[in-house]
Amino acid sequence: MPLPVPSELSPVPLRHSRLEDVYALLIGCALIVIGLICLRTAGLVTGGIAGVALLLSYIVPLPPGLLFTLINLPFFLFARAAMGTGFMLKTMVVSAGVTAMSLVAPYLIQLAHINQLFAALFGGTIVGLGVLVLARHDAGVGGTGVMTLWFYKKRGWNAGRTQLCFDVCILSVALLAMPPMKVLLSALSSAAISGVLIAFHRPGRYTGY
């Protein structure tokens, strides 16, 4: 049986540098935008604030990234109260980054067709990885993402499982505006996002902050 490691010899978490934070926020935003492009090309939605933005983008003639930021505005105050000023500022940067990248993306990436099943699995996984990268650097995507991280911080609730509960409510609303099969595939994309968080956003798995 291995001997317990004395507390004074335990590894000390290392803070991320400012440059590492900037790099992570750029990567997180880019992954989320790429995932949303895949899902929107397939005519799907997903869970979280990204899913709400996608759902509205089929009704309102505005890009999902811009809707993403507009919906997020009320949640910034909650983010400050629940997670601190630093988290709020990073979340605002993420929201602006997703909007900017989504406006530029059509000039860089154009998908004429994507298989819906592949879009649900790949797009959802990519969005989940983006959310995970942001969470590792004390940032969120806003909306329900802020609430899941708050529940994780205050109650220890797994971020992926909590997000899944929010997503069930969002996808239930999507049934009013989309065919059941597309909602089912959208639920698969939501499960892919939550799966990434369930697998990798766990206490003890990561010592940096």
N, C-alpha and C. Protein backbone atom coordinates (compact mmCIF):
# COMPACT_ATOMS: atom_id res chain seq x y z
N MET A 1 0.86 -1.20 0.00
CA MET A 1 0.00 0.00 0.00
C MET A 1 0.89 1.25 0.00
N PRO A 2 0.67 2.18 -0.91
CA PRO A 2 1.51 3.38 -0.95
C PRO A 2 1.29 4.25 0.27
N LEU A 3 2.36 4.85 0.76
CA LEU A 3 2.27 5.72 1.92
C LEU A 3 1.59 7.03 1.55
N PRO A 4 0.78 7.59 2.45
CA PRO A 4 0.14 8.88 2.14
C PRO A 4 1.19 9.97 1.96
N VAL A 5 0.91 10.89 1.07
CA VAL A 5 1.83 12.00 0.82
C VAL A 5 1.59 13.08 1.85
N PRO A 6 2.61 13.48 2.62
CA PRO A 6 2.42 14.56 3.60
C PRO A 6 1.92 15.82 2.92
N SER A 7 1.10 16.57 3.65
CA SER A 7 0.49 17.76 3.05
C SER A 7 1.53 18.75 2.56
N GLU A 8 2.68 18.85 3.30
CA GLU A 8 3.69 19.82 2.88
C GLU A 8 4.41 19.39 1.61
N LEU A 9 4.27 18.10 1.24
CA LEU A 9 4.90 17.61 0.02
C LEU A 9 3.91 17.49 -1.14
N SER A 10 2.64 17.77 -0.88
CA SER A 10 1.63 17.66 -1.92
C SER A 10 1.89 18.71 -2.99
N PRO A 11 1.59 18.35 -4.26
CA PRO A 11 1.82 19.32 -5.33
C PRO A 11 0.97 20.57 -5.16
N VAL A 12 1.57 21.70 -5.36
CA VAL A 12 0.86 22.98 -5.22
C VAL A 12 0.32 23.40 -6.58
N PRO A 13 -0.99 23.68 -6.67
CA PRO A 13 -1.54 24.12 -7.95
C PRO A 13 -0.83 25.37 -8.46
N LEU A 14 -0.56 25.41 -9.74
CA LEU A 14 0.11 26.55 -10.35
C LEU A 14 -0.90 27.42 -11.07
N ARG A 15 -0.82 28.70 -10.81
CA ARG A 15 -1.73 29.63 -11.49
C ARG A 15 -1.38 29.73 -12.96
N HIS A 16 -2.41 29.90 -13.77
CA HIS A 16 -2.18 30.15 -15.19
C HIS A 16 -1.67 31.58 -15.36
N SER A 17 -0.77 31.77 -16.30
CA SER A 17 -0.30 33.11 -16.60
C SER A 17 -1.35 33.85 -17.42
N ARG A 18 -1.21 35.15 -17.53
CA ARG A 18 -2.15 35.94 -18.33
C ARG A 18 -2.15 35.48 -19.79
N LEU A 19 -0.94 35.18 -20.30
CA LEU A 19 -0.84 34.72 -21.68
C LEU A 19 -1.56 33.38 -21.87
N GLU A 20 -1.43 32.49 -20.90
CA GLU A 20 -2.13 31.20 -20.97
C GLU A 20 -3.64 31.40 -20.93
N ASP A 21 -4.10 32.34 -20.11
CA ASP A 21 -5.53 32.62 -20.06
C ASP A 21 -6.05 33.14 -21.40
N VAL A 22 -5.31 34.07 -22.00
CA VAL A 22 -5.72 34.63 -23.29
C VAL A 22 -5.78 33.54 -24.35
N TYR A 23 -4.74 32.71 -24.37
CA TYR A 23 -4.68 31.61 -25.35
C TYR A 23 -5.86 30.65 -25.15
N ALA A 24 -6.17 30.33 -23.89
CA ALA A 24 -7.26 29.41 -23.60
C ALA A 24 -8.61 30.00 -23.99
N LEU A 25 -8.81 31.29 -23.73
CA LEU A 25 -10.08 31.92 -24.09
C LEU A 25 -10.28 31.93 -25.60
N LEU A 26 -9.20 32.18 -26.35
CA LEU A 26 -9.29 32.15 -27.81
C LEU A 26 -9.66 30.75 -28.30
N ILE A 27 -8.99 29.74 -27.76
CA ILE A 27 -9.27 28.36 -28.17
C ILE A 27 -10.70 27.97 -27.80
N GLY A 28 -11.11 28.31 -26.57
CA GLY A 28 -12.46 27.96 -26.13
C GLY A 28 -13.53 28.59 -27.01
N CYS A 29 -13.37 29.87 -27.33
CA CYS A 29 -14.33 30.56 -28.20
C CYS A 29 -14.36 29.93 -29.59
N ALA A 30 -13.18 29.63 -30.14
CA ALA A 30 -13.10 29.06 -31.48
C ALA A 30 -13.77 27.68 -31.54
N LEU A 31 -13.57 26.86 -30.53
CA LEU A 31 -14.19 25.53 -30.50
C LEU A 31 -15.71 25.64 -30.44
N ILE A 32 -16.20 26.56 -29.62
CA ILE A 32 -17.65 26.74 -29.49
C ILE A 32 -18.25 27.19 -30.82
N VAL A 33 -17.60 28.15 -31.49
CA VAL A 33 -18.11 28.65 -32.77
C VAL A 33 -18.11 27.55 -33.83
N ILE A 34 -17.05 26.75 -33.90
CA ILE A 34 -16.98 25.67 -34.88
C ILE A 34 -18.09 24.65 -34.61
N GLY A 35 -18.31 24.33 -33.33
CA GLY A 35 -19.37 23.40 -32.99
C GLY A 35 -20.74 23.93 -33.38
N LEU A 36 -20.98 25.23 -33.14
CA LEU A 36 -22.26 25.83 -33.50
C LEU A 36 -22.47 25.85 -35.02
N ILE A 37 -21.39 26.06 -35.77
CA ILE A 37 -21.50 26.04 -37.24
C ILE A 37 -21.96 24.67 -37.70
N CYS A 38 -21.38 23.62 -37.14
CA CYS A 38 -21.77 22.25 -37.50
C CYS A 38 -23.25 22.01 -37.19
N LEU A 39 -23.67 22.42 -36.00
CA LEU A 39 -25.05 22.17 -35.58
C LEU A 39 -26.04 22.98 -36.41
N ARG A 40 -25.70 24.24 -36.69
CA ARG A 40 -26.64 25.07 -37.45
C ARG A 40 -26.74 24.60 -38.90
N THR A 41 -25.63 24.15 -39.48
CA THR A 41 -25.67 23.63 -40.85
C THR A 41 -26.59 22.43 -40.94
N ALA A 42 -26.63 21.63 -39.87
CA ALA A 42 -27.49 20.44 -39.84
C ALA A 42 -28.91 20.78 -39.41
N GLY A 43 -29.17 22.04 -39.05
CA GLY A 43 -30.51 22.43 -38.63
C GLY A 43 -30.86 21.96 -37.24
N LEU A 44 -29.84 21.79 -36.38
CA LEU A 44 -30.05 21.28 -35.03
C LEU A 44 -29.84 22.39 -34.01
N VAL A 45 -30.22 22.10 -32.78
CA VAL A 45 -29.92 22.99 -31.66
C VAL A 45 -29.13 22.15 -30.65
N THR A 46 -28.90 22.70 -29.49
CA THR A 46 -28.24 21.95 -28.43
C THR A 46 -28.69 22.55 -27.11
N GLY A 47 -28.06 22.15 -26.03
CA GLY A 47 -28.45 22.66 -24.73
C GLY A 47 -27.71 23.93 -24.38
N GLY A 48 -27.97 24.44 -23.19
CA GLY A 48 -27.27 25.61 -22.70
C GLY A 48 -27.66 26.88 -23.43
N ILE A 49 -26.92 27.93 -23.15
CA ILE A 49 -27.19 29.23 -23.77
C ILE A 49 -26.94 29.17 -25.27
N ALA A 50 -26.02 28.30 -25.70
CA ALA A 50 -25.77 28.14 -27.13
C ALA A 50 -26.99 27.57 -27.83
N GLY A 51 -27.67 26.64 -27.16
CA GLY A 51 -28.88 26.06 -27.74
C GLY A 51 -30.00 27.07 -27.87
N VAL A 52 -30.16 27.91 -26.87
CA VAL A 52 -31.18 28.96 -26.94
C VAL A 52 -30.88 29.91 -28.10
N ALA A 53 -29.60 30.28 -28.25
CA ALA A 53 -29.21 31.18 -29.34
C ALA A 53 -29.46 30.54 -30.70
N LEU A 54 -29.13 29.25 -30.83
CA LEU A 54 -29.37 28.54 -32.09
C LEU A 54 -30.86 28.48 -32.40
N LEU A 55 -31.66 28.17 -31.38
CA LEU A 55 -33.11 28.06 -31.58
C LEU A 55 -33.69 29.39 -32.04
N LEU A 56 -33.26 30.48 -31.43
CA LEU A 56 -33.75 31.80 -31.83
C LEU A 56 -33.26 32.21 -33.21
N SER A 57 -32.07 31.71 -33.60
CA SER A 57 -31.51 32.09 -34.90
C SER A 57 -32.35 31.58 -36.07
N TYR A 58 -33.17 30.54 -35.82
CA TYR A 58 -34.06 30.03 -36.86
C TYR A 58 -35.32 30.89 -37.00
N ILE A 59 -35.54 31.76 -36.00
CA ILE A 59 -36.73 32.61 -35.98
C ILE A 59 -36.37 34.06 -36.26
N VAL A 60 -35.26 34.52 -35.64
CA VAL A 60 -34.81 35.91 -35.78
C VAL A 60 -33.65 35.96 -36.77
N PRO A 61 -33.65 36.90 -37.72
CA PRO A 61 -32.57 36.96 -38.72
C PRO A 61 -31.28 37.56 -38.19
N LEU A 62 -30.75 36.93 -37.15
CA LEU A 62 -29.48 37.37 -36.55
C LEU A 62 -28.60 36.15 -36.37
N PRO A 63 -27.27 36.30 -36.48
CA PRO A 63 -26.37 35.16 -36.31
C PRO A 63 -26.42 34.64 -34.88
N PRO A 64 -26.21 33.32 -34.69
CA PRO A 64 -26.26 32.74 -33.35
C PRO A 64 -25.28 33.39 -32.38
N GLY A 65 -24.10 33.77 -32.87
CA GLY A 65 -23.10 34.37 -31.98
C GLY A 65 -23.57 35.68 -31.37
N LEU A 66 -24.26 36.52 -32.18
CA LEU A 66 -24.77 37.79 -31.68
C LEU A 66 -25.90 37.55 -30.67
N LEU A 67 -26.80 36.61 -31.01
CA LEU A 67 -27.88 36.27 -30.09
C LEU A 67 -27.32 35.71 -28.78
N PHE A 68 -26.24 34.95 -28.91
CA PHE A 68 -25.55 34.38 -27.76
C PHE A 68 -25.17 35.48 -26.76
N THR A 69 -24.62 36.57 -27.27
CA THR A 69 -24.20 37.68 -26.40
C THR A 69 -25.40 38.43 -25.84
N LEU A 70 -26.40 38.69 -26.66
CA LEU A 70 -27.57 39.44 -26.21
C LEU A 70 -28.29 38.70 -25.08
N ILE A 71 -28.44 37.38 -25.22
CA ILE A 71 -29.11 36.60 -24.19
C ILE A 71 -28.28 36.58 -22.91
N ASN A 72 -26.98 36.66 -23.07
CA ASN A 72 -26.08 36.56 -21.93
C ASN A 72 -26.07 37.78 -21.03
N LEU A 73 -26.48 38.93 -21.55
CA LEU A 73 -26.34 40.18 -20.80
C LEU A 73 -26.86 40.12 -19.36
N PRO A 74 -28.08 39.59 -19.12
CA PRO A 74 -28.55 39.56 -17.72
C PRO A 74 -27.73 38.64 -16.82
N PHE A 75 -27.08 37.63 -17.43
CA PHE A 75 -26.35 36.66 -16.63
C PHE A 75 -24.99 37.18 -16.15
N PHE A 76 -24.51 38.27 -16.74
CA PHE A 76 -23.22 38.80 -16.32
C PHE A 76 -23.26 39.28 -14.87
N LEU A 77 -24.39 39.89 -14.47
CA LEU A 77 -24.52 40.35 -13.09
C LEU A 77 -24.53 39.17 -12.13
N PHE A 78 -25.23 38.11 -12.53
CA PHE A 78 -25.23 36.90 -11.69
C PHE A 78 -23.83 36.31 -11.59
N ALA A 79 -23.11 36.33 -12.70
CA ALA A 79 -21.75 35.78 -12.71
C ALA A 79 -20.86 36.53 -11.72
N ARG A 80 -21.01 37.84 -11.65
CA ARG A 80 -20.20 38.63 -10.71
C ARG A 80 -20.57 38.31 -9.27
N ALA A 81 -21.87 38.22 -9.00
CA ALA A 81 -22.31 37.96 -7.63
C ALA A 81 -21.97 36.54 -7.18
N ALA A 82 -22.06 35.60 -8.11
CA ALA A 82 -21.88 34.19 -7.75
C ALA A 82 -20.44 33.72 -7.81
N MET A 83 -19.67 34.23 -8.78
CA MET A 83 -18.34 33.67 -9.03
C MET A 83 -17.21 34.69 -8.92
N GLY A 84 -17.56 35.97 -8.75
CA GLY A 84 -16.52 36.98 -8.59
C GLY A 84 -16.33 37.83 -9.84
N THR A 85 -15.68 38.97 -9.64
CA THR A 85 -15.47 39.93 -10.73
C THR A 85 -14.59 39.35 -11.84
N GLY A 86 -13.53 38.64 -11.44
CA GLY A 86 -12.63 38.07 -12.44
C GLY A 86 -13.34 37.12 -13.37
N PHE A 87 -14.18 36.26 -12.82
CA PHE A 87 -14.96 35.31 -13.63
C PHE A 87 -15.91 36.07 -14.56
N MET A 88 -16.56 37.10 -14.02
CA MET A 88 -17.49 37.87 -14.84
C MET A 88 -16.79 38.52 -16.03
N LEU A 89 -15.64 39.14 -15.77
CA LEU A 89 -14.91 39.82 -16.84
C LEU A 89 -14.47 38.83 -17.93
N LYS A 90 -13.98 37.66 -17.51
CA LYS A 90 -13.57 36.66 -18.49
C LYS A 90 -14.77 36.15 -19.29
N THR A 91 -15.91 35.99 -18.60
CA THR A 91 -17.11 35.52 -19.29
C THR A 91 -17.59 36.55 -20.30
N MET A 92 -17.47 37.84 -19.97
CA MET A 92 -17.83 38.89 -20.91
C MET A 92 -16.91 38.87 -22.13
N VAL A 93 -15.63 38.63 -21.89
CA VAL A 93 -14.67 38.53 -23.00
C VAL A 93 -15.02 37.34 -23.89
N VAL A 94 -15.38 36.22 -23.26
CA VAL A 94 -15.77 35.03 -24.02
C VAL A 94 -17.00 35.32 -24.88
N SER A 95 -17.99 35.96 -24.28
CA SER A 95 -19.21 36.29 -25.02
C SER A 95 -18.91 37.18 -26.22
N ALA A 96 -18.08 38.20 -26.01
CA ALA A 96 -17.70 39.08 -27.12
C ALA A 96 -16.88 38.32 -28.16
N GLY A 97 -16.02 37.41 -27.69
CA GLY A 97 -15.20 36.62 -28.61
C GLY A 97 -16.02 35.70 -29.47
N VAL A 98 -17.02 35.05 -28.88
CA VAL A 98 -17.90 34.16 -29.65
C VAL A 98 -18.67 34.96 -30.70
N THR A 99 -19.14 36.15 -30.31
CA THR A 99 -19.86 37.01 -31.26
C THR A 99 -18.95 37.41 -32.42
N ALA A 100 -17.76 37.89 -32.10
CA ALA A 100 -16.83 38.35 -33.14
C ALA A 100 -16.46 37.20 -34.08
N MET A 101 -16.13 36.04 -33.51
CA MET A 101 -15.73 34.90 -34.35
C MET A 101 -16.88 34.40 -35.20
N SER A 102 -18.10 34.45 -34.68
CA SER A 102 -19.25 33.98 -35.46
C SER A 102 -19.54 34.92 -36.64
N LEU A 103 -19.22 36.21 -36.48
CA LEU A 103 -19.42 37.15 -37.58
C LEU A 103 -18.35 37.00 -38.66
N VAL A 104 -17.15 36.60 -38.24
CA VAL A 104 -16.05 36.42 -39.19
C VAL A 104 -16.09 35.02 -39.83
N ALA A 105 -16.62 34.05 -39.10
CA ALA A 105 -16.59 32.65 -39.53
C ALA A 105 -17.11 32.40 -40.95
N PRO A 106 -18.23 33.05 -41.39
CA PRO A 106 -18.73 32.78 -42.74
C PRO A 106 -17.72 33.09 -43.84
N TYR A 107 -16.77 33.99 -43.56
CA TYR A 107 -15.75 34.32 -44.55
C TYR A 107 -14.59 33.34 -44.52
N LEU A 108 -14.56 32.49 -43.49
CA LEU A 108 -13.47 31.53 -43.33
C LEU A 108 -13.91 30.08 -43.52
N ILE A 109 -15.13 29.79 -43.09
CA ILE A 109 -15.64 28.42 -43.14
C ILE A 109 -17.04 28.43 -43.73
N GLN A 110 -17.27 27.61 -44.73
CA GLN A 110 -18.59 27.46 -45.31
C GLN A 110 -18.88 25.98 -45.49
N LEU A 111 -19.89 25.49 -44.76
CA LEU A 111 -20.29 24.08 -44.87
C LEU A 111 -21.57 24.00 -45.69
N ALA A 112 -21.49 23.31 -46.81
CA ALA A 112 -22.68 23.14 -47.65
C ALA A 112 -23.56 22.02 -47.13
N HIS A 113 -22.94 21.00 -46.55
CA HIS A 113 -23.71 19.85 -46.06
C HIS A 113 -22.93 19.15 -44.97
N ILE A 114 -23.65 18.64 -43.97
CA ILE A 114 -23.05 17.82 -42.93
C ILE A 114 -24.09 16.82 -42.46
N ASN A 115 -23.69 15.58 -42.29
CA ASN A 115 -24.59 14.55 -41.80
C ASN A 115 -25.11 14.94 -40.41
N GLN A 116 -26.42 14.81 -40.21
CA GLN A 116 -27.02 15.29 -38.97
C GLN A 116 -26.52 14.52 -37.75
N LEU A 117 -26.37 13.22 -37.87
CA LEU A 117 -25.88 12.43 -36.75
C LEU A 117 -24.44 12.81 -36.40
N PHE A 118 -23.62 12.97 -37.44
CA PHE A 118 -22.23 13.38 -37.21
C PHE A 118 -22.19 14.78 -36.60
N ALA A 119 -23.04 15.69 -37.10
CA ALA A 119 -23.07 17.05 -36.58
C ALA A 119 -23.43 17.06 -35.09
N ALA A 120 -24.42 16.21 -34.72
CA ALA A 120 -24.84 16.15 -33.33
C ALA A 120 -23.70 15.69 -32.43
N LEU A 121 -23.01 14.63 -32.84
CA LEU A 121 -21.94 14.06 -32.02
C LEU A 121 -20.69 14.93 -32.04
N PHE A 122 -20.24 15.29 -33.25
CA PHE A 122 -19.01 16.06 -33.38
C PHE A 122 -19.21 17.50 -32.89
N GLY A 123 -20.30 18.14 -33.36
CA GLY A 123 -20.55 19.53 -32.95
C GLY A 123 -20.73 19.65 -31.45
N GLY A 124 -21.50 18.72 -30.87
CA GLY A 124 -21.70 18.75 -29.42
C GLY A 124 -20.41 18.54 -28.65
N THR A 125 -19.60 17.59 -29.11
CA THR A 125 -18.32 17.32 -28.44
C THR A 125 -17.40 18.53 -28.52
N ILE A 126 -17.34 19.18 -29.68
CA ILE A 126 -16.49 20.35 -29.85
C ILE A 126 -16.93 21.49 -28.94
N VAL A 127 -18.24 21.72 -28.86
CA VAL A 127 -18.74 22.75 -27.96
C VAL A 127 -18.38 22.41 -26.51
N GLY A 128 -18.55 21.13 -26.15
CA GLY A 128 -18.21 20.69 -24.79
C GLY A 128 -16.75 20.90 -24.46
N LEU A 129 -15.87 20.62 -25.41
CA LEU A 129 -14.44 20.85 -25.20
C LEU A 129 -14.15 22.33 -25.02
N GLY A 130 -14.85 23.17 -25.80
CA GLY A 130 -14.67 24.62 -25.65
C GLY A 130 -15.08 25.09 -24.26
N VAL A 131 -16.22 24.59 -23.79
CA VAL A 131 -16.70 24.95 -22.45
C VAL A 131 -15.71 24.47 -21.39
N LEU A 132 -15.16 23.27 -21.58
CA LEU A 132 -14.20 22.72 -20.62
C LEU A 132 -12.93 23.56 -20.56
N VAL A 133 -12.41 23.96 -21.72
CA VAL A 133 -11.21 24.80 -21.76
C VAL A 133 -11.45 26.10 -20.99
N LEU A 134 -12.62 26.70 -21.20
CA LEU A 134 -12.93 27.96 -20.51
C LEU A 134 -13.04 27.75 -19.00
N ALA A 135 -13.70 26.66 -18.59
CA ALA A 135 -13.87 26.39 -17.16
C ALA A 135 -12.53 26.19 -16.47
N ARG A 136 -11.57 25.58 -17.18
CA ARG A 136 -10.24 25.37 -16.61
C ARG A 136 -9.51 26.68 -16.35
N HIS A 137 -9.96 27.74 -17.01
CA HIS A 137 -9.31 29.04 -16.85
C HIS A 137 -10.26 30.05 -16.20
N ASP A 138 -11.16 29.53 -15.37
CA ASP A 138 -12.04 30.37 -14.58
C ASP A 138 -12.88 31.31 -15.44
N ALA A 139 -13.48 30.75 -16.48
CA ALA A 139 -14.37 31.51 -17.35
C ALA A 139 -15.53 30.61 -17.73
N GLY A 140 -16.61 31.22 -18.17
CA GLY A 140 -17.77 30.46 -18.59
C GLY A 140 -18.34 31.02 -19.88
N VAL A 141 -19.36 30.36 -20.38
CA VAL A 141 -20.01 30.84 -21.61
C VAL A 141 -21.25 31.65 -21.28
N GLY A 142 -21.51 31.83 -19.97
CA GLY A 142 -22.68 32.59 -19.58
C GLY A 142 -23.91 31.71 -19.44
N GLY A 143 -25.03 32.34 -19.14
CA GLY A 143 -26.29 31.62 -19.06
C GLY A 143 -26.26 30.46 -18.09
N THR A 144 -26.79 29.33 -18.54
CA THR A 144 -26.84 28.14 -17.68
C THR A 144 -25.44 27.65 -17.34
N GLY A 145 -24.45 27.95 -18.20
CA GLY A 145 -23.08 27.54 -17.92
C GLY A 145 -22.56 28.16 -16.63
N VAL A 146 -22.91 29.43 -16.39
CA VAL A 146 -22.51 30.11 -15.16
C VAL A 146 -23.16 29.42 -13.96
N MET A 147 -24.43 29.05 -14.11
CA MET A 147 -25.15 28.43 -13.01
C MET A 147 -24.60 27.04 -12.69
N THR A 148 -24.21 26.28 -13.72
CA THR A 148 -23.66 24.95 -13.46
C THR A 148 -22.32 25.05 -12.73
N LEU A 149 -21.49 26.01 -13.12
CA LEU A 149 -20.20 26.18 -12.45
C LEU A 149 -20.41 26.68 -11.02
N TRP A 150 -21.44 27.50 -10.81
CA TRP A 150 -21.73 27.97 -9.46
C TRP A 150 -22.17 26.81 -8.57
N PHE A 151 -23.05 25.94 -9.09
CA PHE A 151 -23.48 24.77 -8.33
C PHE A 151 -22.30 23.84 -8.04
N TYR A 152 -21.38 23.74 -9.01
CA TYR A 152 -20.19 22.91 -8.80
C TYR A 152 -19.33 23.49 -7.68
N LYS A 153 -19.17 24.81 -7.69
CA LYS A 153 -18.31 25.47 -6.70
C LYS A 153 -18.93 25.44 -5.31
N LYS A 154 -20.25 25.69 -5.21
CA LYS A 154 -20.91 25.82 -3.92
C LYS A 154 -21.41 24.49 -3.37
N ARG A 155 -21.89 23.61 -4.26
CA ARG A 155 -22.51 22.37 -3.80
C ARG A 155 -21.72 21.12 -4.19
N GLY A 156 -20.75 21.28 -5.08
CA GLY A 156 -20.00 20.11 -5.54
C GLY A 156 -20.75 19.27 -6.55
N TRP A 157 -21.82 19.82 -7.13
CA TRP A 157 -22.60 19.08 -8.12
C TRP A 157 -21.80 18.97 -9.42
N ASN A 158 -21.79 17.80 -10.02
CA ASN A 158 -21.07 17.60 -11.27
C ASN A 158 -21.62 18.53 -12.35
N ALA A 159 -20.72 19.27 -13.01
CA ALA A 159 -21.13 20.28 -13.98
C ALA A 159 -21.89 19.65 -15.15
N GLY A 160 -21.45 18.48 -15.60
CA GLY A 160 -22.09 17.84 -16.74
C GLY A 160 -23.51 17.41 -16.43
N ARG A 161 -23.72 16.81 -15.26
CA ARG A 161 -25.07 16.34 -14.89
C ARG A 161 -26.01 17.51 -14.66
N THR A 162 -25.51 18.57 -14.04
CA THR A 162 -26.35 19.75 -13.82
C THR A 162 -26.74 20.39 -15.14
N GLN A 163 -25.76 20.48 -16.07
CA GLN A 163 -26.04 21.06 -17.38
C GLN A 163 -27.09 20.23 -18.11
N LEU A 164 -27.03 18.92 -17.94
CA LEU A 164 -27.98 18.03 -18.60
C LEU A 164 -29.41 18.32 -18.15
N CYS A 165 -29.59 18.64 -16.88
CA CYS A 165 -30.92 18.97 -16.36
C CYS A 165 -31.45 20.25 -17.01
N PHE A 166 -30.58 21.26 -17.14
CA PHE A 166 -31.00 22.49 -17.82
C PHE A 166 -31.35 22.21 -19.28
N ASP A 167 -30.55 21.34 -19.90
CA ASP A 167 -30.74 21.06 -21.33
C ASP A 167 -32.07 20.38 -21.61
N VAL A 168 -32.51 19.54 -20.68
CA VAL A 168 -33.81 18.87 -20.85
C VAL A 168 -34.92 19.91 -20.98
N CYS A 169 -34.85 20.95 -20.16
CA CYS A 169 -35.85 22.02 -20.22
C CYS A 169 -35.79 22.77 -21.55
N ILE A 170 -34.57 23.08 -22.01
CA ILE A 170 -34.41 23.83 -23.26
C ILE A 170 -34.91 23.02 -24.45
N LEU A 171 -34.56 21.74 -24.48
CA LEU A 171 -34.96 20.89 -25.60
C LEU A 171 -36.47 20.60 -25.58
N SER A 172 -37.06 20.64 -24.41
CA SER A 172 -38.52 20.48 -24.33
C SER A 172 -39.22 21.64 -25.03
N VAL A 173 -38.66 22.85 -24.88
CA VAL A 173 -39.21 24.02 -25.58
C VAL A 173 -38.98 23.88 -27.08
N ALA A 174 -37.83 23.31 -27.47
CA ALA A 174 -37.52 23.14 -28.90
C ALA A 174 -38.55 22.26 -29.59
N LEU A 175 -39.20 21.37 -28.86
CA LEU A 175 -40.23 20.50 -29.45
C LEU A 175 -41.39 21.31 -30.03
N LEU A 176 -41.57 22.52 -29.54
CA LEU A 176 -42.67 23.36 -30.03
C LEU A 176 -42.37 23.95 -31.39
N ALA A 177 -41.09 23.97 -31.79
CA ALA A 177 -40.71 24.65 -33.02
C ALA A 177 -39.98 23.75 -34.02
N MET A 178 -39.62 22.53 -33.61
CA MET A 178 -38.81 21.67 -34.48
C MET A 178 -39.42 20.27 -34.55
N PRO A 179 -39.15 19.55 -35.66
CA PRO A 179 -39.60 18.15 -35.78
C PRO A 179 -38.98 17.30 -34.67
N PRO A 180 -39.73 16.31 -34.18
CA PRO A 180 -39.22 15.46 -33.09
C PRO A 180 -37.87 14.81 -33.38
N MET A 181 -37.63 14.39 -34.64
CA MET A 181 -36.37 13.73 -34.96
C MET A 181 -35.19 14.69 -34.80
N LYS A 182 -35.39 15.94 -35.20
CA LYS A 182 -34.32 16.91 -35.05
C LYS A 182 -34.08 17.23 -33.58
N VAL A 183 -35.15 17.25 -32.80
CA VAL A 183 -34.99 17.48 -31.36
C VAL A 183 -34.25 16.30 -30.73
N LEU A 184 -34.53 15.09 -31.20
CA LEU A 184 -33.84 13.91 -30.68
C LEU A 184 -32.35 13.98 -30.98
N LEU A 185 -32.00 14.38 -32.20
CA LEU A 185 -30.60 14.55 -32.56
C LEU A 185 -29.96 15.69 -31.78
N SER A 186 -30.75 16.73 -31.54
CA SER A 186 -30.25 17.85 -30.74
C SER A 186 -29.97 17.40 -29.31
N ALA A 187 -30.82 16.50 -28.81
CA ALA A 187 -30.59 15.95 -27.47
C ALA A 187 -29.30 15.16 -27.44
N LEU A 188 -28.98 14.50 -28.56
CA LEU A 188 -27.72 13.76 -28.65
C LEU A 188 -26.53 14.72 -28.58
N SER A 189 -26.66 15.87 -29.23
CA SER A 189 -25.58 16.87 -29.17
C SER A 189 -25.42 17.40 -27.75
N SER A 190 -26.54 17.60 -27.07
CA SER A 190 -26.50 18.06 -25.69
C SER A 190 -25.83 17.03 -24.79
N ALA A 191 -26.14 15.74 -25.04
CA ALA A 191 -25.52 14.67 -24.27
C ALA A 191 -24.02 14.62 -24.53
N ALA A 192 -23.60 14.93 -25.76
CA ALA A 192 -22.17 14.94 -26.09
C ALA A 192 -21.45 16.05 -25.32
N ILE A 193 -22.09 17.22 -25.22
CA ILE A 193 -21.50 18.33 -24.45
C ILE A 193 -21.37 17.93 -22.98
N SER A 194 -22.47 17.43 -22.41
CA SER A 194 -22.45 17.06 -21.00
C SER A 194 -21.49 15.90 -20.75
N GLY A 195 -21.37 15.00 -21.73
CA GLY A 195 -20.46 13.86 -21.58
C GLY A 195 -19.02 14.31 -21.39
N VAL A 196 -18.63 15.33 -22.14
CA VAL A 196 -17.27 15.87 -21.99
C VAL A 196 -17.07 16.41 -20.58
N LEU A 197 -18.06 17.16 -20.09
CA LEU A 197 -17.94 17.76 -18.75
C LEU A 197 -18.00 16.70 -17.66
N ILE A 198 -18.86 15.69 -17.83
CA ILE A 198 -18.95 14.62 -16.84
C ILE A 198 -17.64 13.87 -16.74
N ALA A 199 -17.01 13.63 -17.89
CA ALA A 199 -15.78 12.82 -17.92
C ALA A 199 -14.57 13.59 -17.43
N PHE A 200 -14.49 14.88 -17.73
CA PHE A 200 -13.25 15.61 -17.51
C PHE A 200 -13.31 16.73 -16.49
N HIS A 201 -14.51 17.23 -16.16
CA HIS A 201 -14.61 18.32 -15.19
C HIS A 201 -14.97 17.71 -13.84
N ARG A 202 -13.94 17.14 -13.18
CA ARG A 202 -14.17 16.43 -11.92
C ARG A 202 -13.15 16.84 -10.88
N PRO A 203 -13.56 16.90 -9.60
CA PRO A 203 -12.61 17.26 -8.53
C PRO A 203 -11.42 16.31 -8.51
N GLY A 204 -10.24 16.87 -8.32
CA GLY A 204 -9.04 16.04 -8.23
C GLY A 204 -8.40 15.69 -9.54
N ARG A 205 -9.09 15.98 -10.66
CA ARG A 205 -8.54 15.65 -11.97
C ARG A 205 -7.56 16.71 -12.46
N TYR A 206 -7.64 17.89 -11.86
CA TYR A 206 -6.90 19.02 -12.40
C TYR A 206 -6.45 19.89 -11.25
N THR A 207 -5.16 20.21 -11.15
CA THR A 207 -4.66 20.97 -10.02
C THR A 207 -4.28 22.40 -10.37
N GLY A 208 -4.32 22.77 -11.65
CA GLY A 208 -4.06 24.15 -12.02
C GLY A 208 -5.32 25.00 -11.87
N TYR A 209 -5.14 26.29 -11.82
CA TYR A 209 -6.31 27.17 -11.76
C TYR A 209 -5.91 28.57 -12.20
